[in-house]
PDB file of N, CA and C in Angstrom:
ATOM      1  N   UNK A   1       0.824  -1.182   0.000  1.00  0.00           N
ATOM      2  CA  UNK A   1       0.000   0.000   0.000  1.00  0.00           C
ATOM      3  C   UNK A   1       0.874   1.254   0.000  1.00  0.00           C
ATOM      4  N   UNK A   2       1.968   1.164   0.734  1.00  0.00           N
ATOM      5  CA  UNK A   2       2.854   2.327   0.790  1.00  0.00           C
ATOM      6  C   UNK A   2       3.421   2.643  -0.583  1.00  0.00           C
ATOM      7  N   UNK A   3       3.794   1.627  -1.336  1.00  0.00           N
ATOM      8  CA  UNK A   3       4.321   1.876  -2.677  1.00  0.00           C
ATOM      9  C   UNK A   3       3.268   2.534  -3.563  1.00  0.00           C
ATOM     10  N   UNK A   4       2.026   2.062  -3.471  1.00  0.00           N
ATOM     11  CA  UNK A   4       0.947   2.659  -4.263  1.00  0.00           C
ATOM     12  C   UNK A   4       0.718   4.105  -3.834  1.00  0.00           C
ATOM     13  N   UNK A   5       0.773   4.331  -2.530  1.00  0.00           N
ATOM     14  CA  UNK A   5       0.572   5.689  -2.008  1.00  0.00           C
ATOM     15  C   UNK A   5       1.718   6.605  -2.441  1.00  0.00           C
ATOM     16  N   UNK A   6       2.935   6.133  -2.286  1.00  0.00           N
ATOM     17  CA  UNK A   6       4.094   6.963  -2.660  1.00  0.00           C
ATOM     18  C   UNK A   6       4.049   7.319  -4.139  1.00  0.00           C
ATOM     19  N   UNK A   7       3.653   6.363  -4.978  1.00  0.00           N
ATOM     20  CA  UNK A   7       3.585   6.597  -6.419  1.00  0.00           C
ATOM     21  C   UNK A   7       2.608   7.721  -6.761  1.00  0.00           C
ATOM     22  N   UNK A   8       1.602   7.899  -5.910  1.00  0.00           N
ATOM     23  CA  UNK A   8       0.553   8.897  -6.160  1.00  0.00           C
ATOM     24  C   UNK A   8       0.651  10.116  -5.252  1.00  0.00           C
ATOM     25  N   UNK A   9       1.704  10.165  -4.441  1.00  0.00           N
ATOM     26  CA  UNK A   9       1.823  11.229  -3.450  1.00  0.00           C
ATOM     27  C   UNK A   9       0.576  11.272  -2.567  1.00  0.00           C
ATOM     28  N   UNK A  10       0.202  10.096  -2.109  1.00  0.00           N
ATOM     29  CA  UNK A  10      -1.007   9.939  -1.301  1.00  0.00           C
ATOM     30  C   UNK A  10      -0.643   9.250   0.015  1.00  0.00           C
ATOM     31  N   UNK A  11      -1.643   9.066   0.853  1.00  0.00           N
ATOM     32  CA  UNK A  11      -1.437   8.345   2.107  1.00  0.00           C
ATOM     33  C   UNK A  11      -1.956   6.917   1.962  1.00  0.00           C
ATOM     34  N   UNK A  12      -1.525   6.075   2.869  1.00  0.00           N
ATOM     35  CA  UNK A  12      -2.014   4.696   2.875  1.00  0.00           C
ATOM     36  C   UNK A  12      -3.524   4.686   3.100  1.00  0.00           C
ATOM     37  N   UNK A  13      -4.015   5.560   3.935  1.00  0.00           N
ATOM     38  CA  UNK A  13      -5.462   5.650   4.169  1.00  0.00           C
ATOM     39  C   UNK A  13      -6.212   5.972   2.886  1.00  0.00           C
ATOM     40  N   UNK A  14      -5.634   6.858   2.088  1.00  0.00           N
ATOM     41  CA  UNK A  14      -6.278   7.209   0.823  1.00  0.00           C
ATOM     42  C   UNK A  14      -6.323   6.009  -0.121  1.00  0.00           C
ATOM     43  N   UNK A  15      -5.299   5.183  -0.100  1.00  0.00           N
ATOM     44  CA  UNK A  15      -5.299   3.975  -0.925  1.00  0.00           C
ATOM     45  C   UNK A  15      -6.399   3.026  -0.462  1.00  0.00           C
ATOM     46  N   UNK A  16      -6.558   2.882   0.833  1.00  0.00           N
ATOM     47  CA  UNK A  16      -7.623   2.020   1.356  1.00  0.00           C
ATOM     48  C   UNK A  16      -9.001   2.531   0.935  1.00  0.00           C
ATOM     49  N   UNK A  17      -9.188   3.825   0.985  1.00  0.00           N
ATOM     50  CA  UNK A  17     -10.460   4.420   0.572  1.00  0.00           C
ATOM     51  C   UNK A  17     -10.662   4.220  -0.930  1.00  0.00           C
ATOM     52  N   UNK A  18      -9.603   4.434  -1.704  1.00  0.00           N
ATOM     53  CA  UNK A  18      -9.684   4.250  -3.160  1.00  0.00           C
ATOM     54  C   UNK A  18     -10.018   2.804  -3.495  1.00  0.00           C
ATOM     55  N   UNK A  19      -9.475   1.854  -2.738  1.00  0.00           N
ATOM     56  CA  UNK A  19      -9.788   0.435  -2.954  1.00  0.00           C
ATOM     57  C   UNK A  19     -11.279   0.193  -2.722  1.00  0.00           C
ATOM     58  N   UNK A  20     -11.799   0.725  -1.628  1.00  0.00           N
ATOM     59  CA  UNK A  20     -13.221   0.536  -1.335  1.00  0.00           C
ATOM     60  C   UNK A  20     -14.092   1.118  -2.438  1.00  0.00           C
ATOM     61  N   UNK A  21     -13.716   2.271  -2.937  1.00  0.00           N
ATOM     62  CA  UNK A  21     -14.473   2.894  -4.031  1.00  0.00           C
ATOM     63  C   UNK A  21     -14.354   2.057  -5.298  1.00  0.00           C
ATOM     64  N   UNK A  22     -13.162   1.516  -5.563  1.00  0.00           N
ATOM     65  CA  UNK A  22     -12.962   0.666  -6.740  1.00  0.00           C
ATOM     66  C   UNK A  22     -13.831  -0.585  -6.685  1.00  0.00           C
ATOM     67  N   UNK A  23     -14.196  -1.004  -5.497  1.00  0.00           N
ATOM     68  CA  UNK A  23     -15.058  -2.172  -5.309  1.00  0.00           C
ATOM     69  C   UNK A  23     -16.537  -1.782  -5.359  1.00  0.00           C
ATOM     70  N   UNK A  24     -16.810  -0.569  -5.816  1.00  0.00           N
ATOM     71  CA  UNK A  24     -18.182  -0.059  -5.935  1.00  0.00           C
ATOM     72  C   UNK A  24     -18.894   0.030  -4.596  1.00  0.00           C
ATOM     73  N   UNK A  25     -18.157   0.421  -3.588  1.00  0.00           N
ATOM     74  CA  UNK A  25     -18.760   0.655  -2.287  1.00  0.00           C
ATOM     75  C   UNK A  25     -18.567   2.122  -1.935  1.00  0.00           C
ATOM     76  N   UNK A  26     -19.315   2.573  -0.999  1.00  0.00           N
ATOM     77  CA  UNK A  26     -19.163   3.930  -0.505  1.00  0.00           C
ATOM     78  C   UNK A  26     -18.729   3.830   0.955  1.00  0.00           C
ATOM     79  N   UNK A  27     -17.440   3.988   1.200  1.00  0.00           N
ATOM     80  CA  UNK A  27     -16.971   3.850   2.576  1.00  0.00           C
ATOM     81  C   UNK A  27     -17.530   4.956   3.462  1.00  0.00           C
ATOM     82  N   UNK A  28     -17.932   4.576   4.633  1.00  0.00           N
ATOM     83  CA  UNK A  28     -18.410   5.555   5.612  1.00  0.00           C
ATOM     84  C   UNK A  28     -17.219   5.893   6.497  1.00  0.00           C
ATOM     85  N   UNK A  29     -16.809   7.127   6.407  1.00  0.00           N
ATOM     86  CA  UNK A  29     -15.588   7.543   7.074  1.00  0.00           C
ATOM     87  C   UNK A  29     -15.930   8.611   8.096  1.00  0.00           C
ATOM     88  N   UNK A  30     -15.500   8.399   9.294  1.00  0.00           N
ATOM     89  CA  UNK A  30     -15.701   9.395  10.337  1.00  0.00           C
ATOM     90  C   UNK A  30     -14.401  10.135  10.575  1.00  0.00           C
ATOM     91  N   UNK A  31     -14.433  11.423  10.462  1.00  0.00           N
ATOM     92  CA  UNK A  31     -13.249  12.215  10.757  1.00  0.00           C
ATOM     93  C   UNK A  31     -13.532  13.075  11.977  1.00  0.00           C
ATOM     94  N   UNK A  32     -12.522  13.205  12.803  1.00  0.00           N
ATOM     95  CA  UNK A  32     -12.693  13.998  14.017  1.00  0.00           C
ATOM     96  C   UNK A  32     -11.924  15.316  13.953  1.00  0.00           C
ATOM     97  N   UNK A  33     -11.110  15.471  12.907  1.00  0.00           N
ATOM     98  CA  UNK A  33     -10.358  16.709  12.744  1.00  0.00           C
ATOM     99  C   UNK A  33     -10.529  17.193  11.308  1.00  0.00           C
ATOM    100  N   UNK A  34     -10.700  18.486  11.169  1.00  0.00           N
ATOM    101  CA  UNK A  34     -10.951  19.043   9.840  1.00  0.00           C
ATOM    102  C   UNK A  34      -9.816  18.786   8.862  1.00  0.00           C
ATOM    103  N   UNK A  35      -8.592  18.614   9.355  1.00  0.00           N
ATOM    104  CA  UNK A  35      -7.468  18.383   8.444  1.00  0.00           C
ATOM    105  C   UNK A  35      -7.624  17.078   7.670  1.00  0.00           C
ATOM    106  N   UNK A  36      -8.427  16.167   8.163  1.00  0.00           N
ATOM    107  CA  UNK A  36      -8.615  14.890   7.478  1.00  0.00           C
ATOM    108  C   UNK A  36      -9.703  14.935   6.409  1.00  0.00           C
ATOM    109  N   UNK A  37     -10.517  15.973   6.396  1.00  0.00           N
ATOM    110  CA  UNK A  37     -11.598  16.069   5.407  1.00  0.00           C
ATOM    111  C   UNK A  37     -11.017  16.182   4.001  1.00  0.00           C
ATOM    112  N   UNK A  38     -10.068  17.065   3.781  1.00  0.00           N
ATOM    113  CA  UNK A  38      -9.468  17.225   2.453  1.00  0.00           C
ATOM    114  C   UNK A  38      -8.761  15.950   2.015  1.00  0.00           C
ATOM    115  N   UNK A  39      -8.100  15.268   2.943  1.00  0.00           N
ATOM    116  CA  UNK A  39      -7.427  14.007   2.619  1.00  0.00           C
ATOM    117  C   UNK A  39      -8.436  12.965   2.154  1.00  0.00           C
ATOM    118  N   UNK A  40      -9.564  12.909   2.822  1.00  0.00           N
ATOM    119  CA  UNK A  40     -10.599  11.947   2.458  1.00  0.00           C
ATOM    120  C   UNK A  40     -11.203  12.285   1.100  1.00  0.00           C
ATOM    121  N   UNK A  41     -11.468  13.546   0.860  1.00  0.00           N
ATOM    122  CA  UNK A  41     -12.015  13.970  -0.430  1.00  0.00           C
ATOM    123  C   UNK A  41     -11.026  13.649  -1.548  1.00  0.00           C
ATOM    124  N   UNK A  42      -9.753  13.894  -1.319  1.00  0.00           N
ATOM    125  CA  UNK A  42      -8.730  13.622  -2.335  1.00  0.00           C
ATOM    126  C   UNK A  42      -8.644  12.133  -2.659  1.00  0.00           C
ATOM    127  N   UNK A  43      -8.960  11.292  -1.709  1.00  0.00           N
ATOM    128  CA  UNK A  43      -8.916   9.841  -1.947  1.00  0.00           C
ATOM    129  C   UNK A  43      -9.886   9.430  -3.039  1.00  0.00           C
ATOM    130  N   UNK A  44     -10.967  10.154  -3.182  1.00  0.00           N
ATOM    131  CA  UNK A  44     -11.967   9.827  -4.205  1.00  0.00           C
ATOM    132  C   UNK A  44     -11.443  10.065  -5.612  1.00  0.00           C
ATOM    133  N   UNK A  45     -10.345  10.794  -5.748  1.00  0.00           N
ATOM    134  CA  UNK A  45      -9.782  11.057  -7.074  1.00  0.00           C
ATOM    135  C   UNK A  45      -8.745  10.012  -7.481  1.00  0.00           C
ATOM    136  N   UNK A  46      -8.420   9.105  -6.577  1.00  0.00           N
ATOM    137  CA  UNK A  46      -7.417   8.080  -6.861  1.00  0.00           C
ATOM    138  C   UNK A  46      -8.093   6.904  -7.551  1.00  0.00           C
ATOM    139  N   UNK A  47      -7.566   6.519  -8.679  1.00  0.00           N
ATOM    140  CA  UNK A  47      -8.090   5.362  -9.410  1.00  0.00           C
ATOM    141  C   UNK A  47      -7.063   4.243  -9.362  1.00  0.00           C
ATOM    142  N   UNK A  48      -7.480   3.119  -8.838  1.00  0.00           N
ATOM    143  CA  UNK A  48      -6.621   1.942  -8.830  1.00  0.00           C
ATOM    144  C   UNK A  48      -6.989   1.067 -10.014  1.00  0.00           C
ATOM    145  N   UNK A  49      -5.986   0.503 -10.678  1.00  0.00           N
ATOM    146  CA  UNK A  49      -6.292  -0.388 -11.791  1.00  0.00           C
ATOM    147  C   UNK A  49      -6.593  -1.793 -11.265  1.00  0.00           C
ATOM    148  N   UNK A  50      -7.041  -2.668 -12.129  1.00  0.00           N
ATOM    149  CA  UNK A  50      -7.456  -4.004 -11.693  1.00  0.00           C
ATOM    150  C   UNK A  50      -6.297  -4.790 -11.091  1.00  0.00           C
ATOM    151  N   UNK A  51      -5.091  -4.590 -11.615  1.00  0.00           N
ATOM    152  CA  UNK A  51      -3.935  -5.299 -11.051  1.00  0.00           C
ATOM    153  C   UNK A  51      -3.668  -4.847  -9.618  1.00  0.00           C
ATOM    154  N   UNK A  52      -3.825  -3.552  -9.376  1.00  0.00           N
ATOM    155  CA  UNK A  52      -3.591  -3.031  -8.031  1.00  0.00           C
ATOM    156  C   UNK A  52      -4.649  -3.530  -7.049  1.00  0.00           C
ATOM    157  N   UNK A  53      -5.903  -3.546  -7.462  1.00  0.00           N
ATOM    158  CA  UNK A  53      -6.938  -4.037  -6.549  1.00  0.00           C
ATOM    159  C   UNK A  53      -6.741  -5.517  -6.269  1.00  0.00           C
ATOM    160  N   UNK A  54      -6.360  -6.276  -7.287  1.00  0.00           N
ATOM    161  CA  UNK A  54      -6.098  -7.704  -7.087  1.00  0.00           C
ATOM    162  C   UNK A  54      -4.907  -7.900  -6.155  1.00  0.00           C
ATOM    163  N   UNK A  55      -3.859  -7.115  -6.348  1.00  0.00           N
ATOM    164  CA  UNK A  55      -2.686  -7.204  -5.482  1.00  0.00           C
ATOM    165  C   UNK A  55      -3.069  -6.930  -4.028  1.00  0.00           C
ATOM    166  N   UNK A  56      -3.840  -5.881  -3.797  1.00  0.00           N
ATOM    167  CA  UNK A  56      -4.270  -5.568  -2.429  1.00  0.00           C
ATOM    168  C   UNK A  56      -5.081  -6.703  -1.823  1.00  0.00           C
ATOM    169  N   UNK A  57      -5.969  -7.294  -2.608  1.00  0.00           N
ATOM    170  CA  UNK A  57      -6.784  -8.398  -2.105  1.00  0.00           C
ATOM    171  C   UNK A  57      -5.938  -9.640  -1.832  1.00  0.00           C
ATOM    172  N   UNK A  58      -4.964  -9.920  -2.693  1.00  0.00           N
ATOM    173  CA  UNK A  58      -4.085 -11.072  -2.466  1.00  0.00           C
ATOM    174  C   UNK A  58      -3.224 -10.874  -1.224  1.00  0.00           C
ATOM    175  N   UNK A  59      -2.702  -9.676  -1.042  1.00  0.00           N
ATOM    176  CA  UNK A  59      -1.912  -9.393   0.152  1.00  0.00           C
ATOM    177  C   UNK A  59      -2.766  -9.495   1.414  1.00  0.00           C
ATOM    178  N   UNK A  60      -3.997  -9.020   1.322  1.00  0.00           N
ATOM    179  CA  UNK A  60      -4.904  -9.120   2.471  1.00  0.00           C
ATOM    180  C   UNK A  60      -5.169 -10.583   2.816  1.00  0.00           C
ATOM    181  N   UNK A  61      -5.394 -11.401   1.800  1.00  0.00           N
ATOM    182  CA  UNK A  61      -5.656 -12.830   2.033  1.00  0.00           C
ATOM    183  C   UNK A  61      -4.454 -13.503   2.695  1.00  0.00           C
ATOM    184  N   UNK A  62      -3.256 -13.143   2.268  1.00  0.00           N
ATOM    185  CA  UNK A  62      -2.047 -13.746   2.840  1.00  0.00           C
ATOM    186  C   UNK A  62      -1.852 -13.378   4.297  1.00  0.00           C
ATOM    187  N   UNK A  63      -2.385 -12.233   4.695  1.00  0.00           N
ATOM    188  CA  UNK A  63      -2.217 -11.788   6.080  1.00  0.00           C
ATOM    189  C   UNK A  63      -3.462 -12.038   6.925  1.00  0.00           C
ATOM    190  N   UNK A  64      -4.456 -12.702   6.329  1.00  0.00           N
ATOM    191  CA  UNK A  64      -5.657 -13.044   7.085  1.00  0.00           C
ATOM    192  C   UNK A  64      -6.687 -11.939   7.198  1.00  0.00           C
ATOM    193  N   UNK A  65      -6.574 -10.908   6.380  1.00  0.00           N
ATOM    194  CA  UNK A  65      -7.549  -9.820   6.401  1.00  0.00           C
ATOM    195  C   UNK A  65      -8.689 -10.179   5.450  1.00  0.00           C
ATOM    196  N   UNK A  66      -9.903 -10.183   5.964  1.00  0.00           N
ATOM    197  CA  UNK A  66     -11.077 -10.512   5.148  1.00  0.00           C
ATOM    198  C   UNK A  66     -11.578  -9.248   4.467  1.00  0.00           C
ATOM    199  N   UNK A  67     -11.480  -9.208   3.134  1.00  0.00           N
ATOM    200  CA  UNK A  67     -11.933  -8.030   2.392  1.00  0.00           C
ATOM    201  C   UNK A  67     -13.325  -8.210   1.817  1.00  0.00           C
ATOM    202  N   UNK A  68     -13.923  -9.345   2.004  1.00  0.00           N
ATOM    203  CA  UNK A  68     -15.247  -9.614   1.451  1.00  0.00           C
ATOM    204  C   UNK A  68     -16.303  -9.063   2.393  1.00  0.00           C
ATOM    205  N   UNK A  69     -17.171  -8.257   1.850  1.00  0.00           N
ATOM    206  CA  UNK A  69     -18.250  -7.694   2.650  1.00  0.00           C
ATOM    207  C   UNK A  69     -19.345  -8.724   2.897  1.00  0.00           C
ATOM    208  N   UNK A  70     -19.996  -8.627   4.007  1.00  0.00           N
ATOM    209  CA  UNK A  70     -21.070  -9.562   4.353  1.00  0.00           C
ATOM    210  C   UNK A  70     -22.214  -9.503   3.360  1.00  0.00           C
ATOM    211  N   UNK A  71     -22.349  -8.389   2.634  1.00  0.00           N
ATOM    212  CA  UNK A  71     -23.430  -8.214   1.683  1.00  0.00           C
ATOM    213  C   UNK A  71     -23.141  -8.902   0.349  1.00  0.00           C
ATOM    214  N   UNK A  72     -21.912  -9.317   0.109  1.00  0.00           N
ATOM    215  CA  UNK A  72     -21.552  -9.899  -1.179  1.00  0.00           C
ATOM    216  C   UNK A  72     -21.999 -11.358  -1.254  1.00  0.00           C
ATOM    217  N   UNK A  73     -22.481 -11.722  -2.419  1.00  0.00           N
ATOM    218  CA  UNK A  73     -22.892 -13.108  -2.640  1.00  0.00           C
ATOM    219  C   UNK A  73     -21.669 -13.988  -2.855  1.00  0.00           C
ATOM    220  N   UNK A  74     -21.752 -15.250  -2.437  1.00  0.00           N
ATOM    221  CA  UNK A  74     -20.616 -16.134  -2.688  1.00  0.00           C
ATOM    222  C   UNK A  74     -20.436 -16.351  -4.185  1.00  0.00           C
ATOM    223  N   UNK A  75     -19.194 -16.535  -4.578  1.00  0.00           N
ATOM    224  CA  UNK A  75     -18.898 -16.799  -5.994  1.00  0.00           C
ATOM    225  C   UNK A  75     -18.825 -18.306  -6.202  1.00  0.00           C
ATOM    226  N   UNK A  76     -19.409 -18.777  -7.260  1.00  0.00           N
ATOM    227  CA  UNK A  76     -19.407 -20.216  -7.539  1.00  0.00           C
ATOM    228  C   UNK A  76     -18.508 -20.534  -8.669  1.00  0.00           C
TER     229      UNK A  76
END
């Protein structure tokens, strides 16, 4: 994630938000400080390609992070 963020002059958090948007979801983000509002808005301008989203999902699987939402249907 850091490499993707560095390549875009973004933060790791912005990459996570961009991933969620790439998955056609609307992440609900709570910010407690105004300085984070612009960072969150800027995340919406980041486009990840299919290879990047797949890479993030594969890395998550290797580390035991479940990226599948409870609302998603199982794939057969």
